[in-house]
Protein backbone atom coordinates (compact mmCIF):
# COMPACT_ATOMS: atom_id res chain seq x y z
CA UNK A 1 14.67 -10.59 12.48
CA UNK A 2 16.66 -13.76 12.38
CA UNK A 3 17.10 -15.64 9.14
CA UNK A 4 14.34 -18.17 9.81
CA UNK A 5 11.58 -15.62 10.45
CA UNK A 6 9.37 -14.55 7.53
CA UNK A 7 9.59 -10.99 6.25
CA UNK A 8 5.94 -10.95 5.20
CA UNK A 9 2.61 -11.97 6.70
CA UNK A 10 -0.87 -12.51 5.28
CA UNK A 11 -2.95 -9.34 5.43
CA UNK A 12 -5.85 -11.04 7.23
CA UNK A 13 -3.50 -12.46 9.82
CA UNK A 14 -1.81 -9.09 10.45
CA UNK A 15 -5.16 -7.32 10.83
CA UNK A 16 -6.13 -9.94 13.40
CA UNK A 17 -2.79 -9.59 15.24
CA UNK A 18 -3.22 -5.82 15.57
CA UNK A 19 -6.71 -6.37 16.96
CA UNK A 20 -8.67 -4.52 14.27
CA UNK A 21 -10.83 -7.62 13.84
CA UNK A 22 -11.84 -10.18 16.43
CA UNK A 23 -11.20 -13.10 14.06
CA UNK A 24 -9.22 -13.73 10.89
CA UNK A 25 -12.49 -14.64 9.21
CA UNK A 26 -13.91 -11.17 9.94
CA UNK A 27 -10.69 -9.61 8.62
CA UNK A 28 -10.94 -11.72 5.45
CA UNK A 29 -14.57 -10.66 4.97
CA UNK A 30 -13.60 -6.97 5.27
CA UNK A 31 -10.78 -7.44 2.76
CA UNK A 32 -13.02 -9.30 0.33
CA UNK A 33 -15.66 -6.61 0.70
CA UNK A 34 -13.27 -3.90 -0.45
CA UNK A 35 -12.73 -2.24 2.93
CA UNK A 36 -8.93 -2.48 2.91
CA UNK A 37 -6.18 -0.86 0.85
CA UNK A 38 -2.49 -1.68 0.87
CA UNK A 39 -0.12 1.11 -0.16
CA UNK A 40 -3.09 2.99 -1.63
CA UNK A 41 -4.22 0.12 -3.84
CA UNK A 42 -7.53 -1.70 -3.29
CA UNK A 43 -7.01 -5.22 -2.04
CA UNK A 44 -9.55 -8.04 -2.07
CA UNK A 45 -7.22 -10.95 -1.30
CA UNK A 46 -6.83 -11.96 2.36
CA UNK A 47 -3.59 -13.76 1.48
CA UNK A 48 -1.97 -10.52 0.21
CA UNK A 49 1.48 -10.29 1.78
CA UNK A 50 2.34 -7.24 3.85
CA UNK A 51 5.73 -6.29 5.23
CA UNK A 52 7.14 -3.62 7.51
CA UNK A 53 6.90 -0.23 5.83
CA UNK A 54 3.61 -0.96 4.04
CA UNK A 55 0.60 1.29 4.65
CA UNK A 56 -2.69 -0.45 5.36
CA UNK A 57 -5.88 1.63 5.21
CA UNK A 58 -8.92 0.02 6.80
CA UNK A 59 -12.54 1.15 6.70
CA UNK A 60 -14.29 -0.70 9.51
CA UNK A 61 -16.45 -0.09 12.55
CA UNK A 62 -17.57 3.30 11.19
CA UNK A 63 -14.06 4.75 10.90
CA UNK A 64 -11.17 4.83 8.46
CA UNK A 65 -7.70 4.21 9.85
CA UNK A 66 -4.34 4.36 8.08
CA UNK A 67 -1.63 2.26 9.67
CA UNK A 68 2.05 1.85 8.84
CA UNK A 69 3.22 -1.72 9.39
CA UNK A 70 6.12 -1.65 11.88
CA UNK A 71 6.32 -5.36 12.68
CA UNK A 72 4.55 -8.56 11.73
CA UNK A 73 3.85 -10.15 15.10
CA UNK A 74 3.70 -13.83 15.91
CA UNK A 75 0.33 -13.96 17.64
CA UNK A 76 -2.73 -11.96 18.64
CA UNK A 77 -1.52 -10.61 21.95
CA UNK A 78 -2.89 -8.05 24.37
CA UNK A 79 -3.62 -4.53 23.10
CA UNK A 80 -0.34 -3.00 24.38
CA UNK A 81 1.62 -5.68 22.48
CA UNK A 82 -0.54 -5.26 19.37
CA UNK A 83 0.01 -1.49 19.33
CA UNK A 84 3.75 -2.07 18.80
CA UNK A 85 3.04 -3.65 15.40
CA UNK A 86 1.82 -0.45 13.73
CA UNK A 87 1.95 3.33 13.70
CA UNK A 88 -1.22 5.35 13.16
CA UNK A 89 -0.73 7.84 10.33
CA UNK A 90 -2.91 10.76 9.33
CA UNK A 91 -5.19 10.55 6.34
C-alpha cells in the first residue's frame, strides 16, 4: 500500500466489500446482533477497524464462516475481485 491508503477499514464496510452482505446496513445489523467475531472476540460495533491478518468469523445465512483478512478493498466489486480480499480458514 502507498502511504496515503488506510491500513484499516470499518468492519461493516469490509463485510460488504467481500460480498457477505448485500448492503452495509445488513452487515451492521448482523454485527450489532452478535453474529460477528473479530480475532475470536465478540464484536457489536460496525465501526470496528479490521486490518490484514485479522480473523473475522461470521454467522449468517445459516452458516458460520471464518475468514482471514488479506486486503481491505476499495469498493464492492464482482465476486472474483471480492474473493481476493480474504482467505477461508477452517473452524
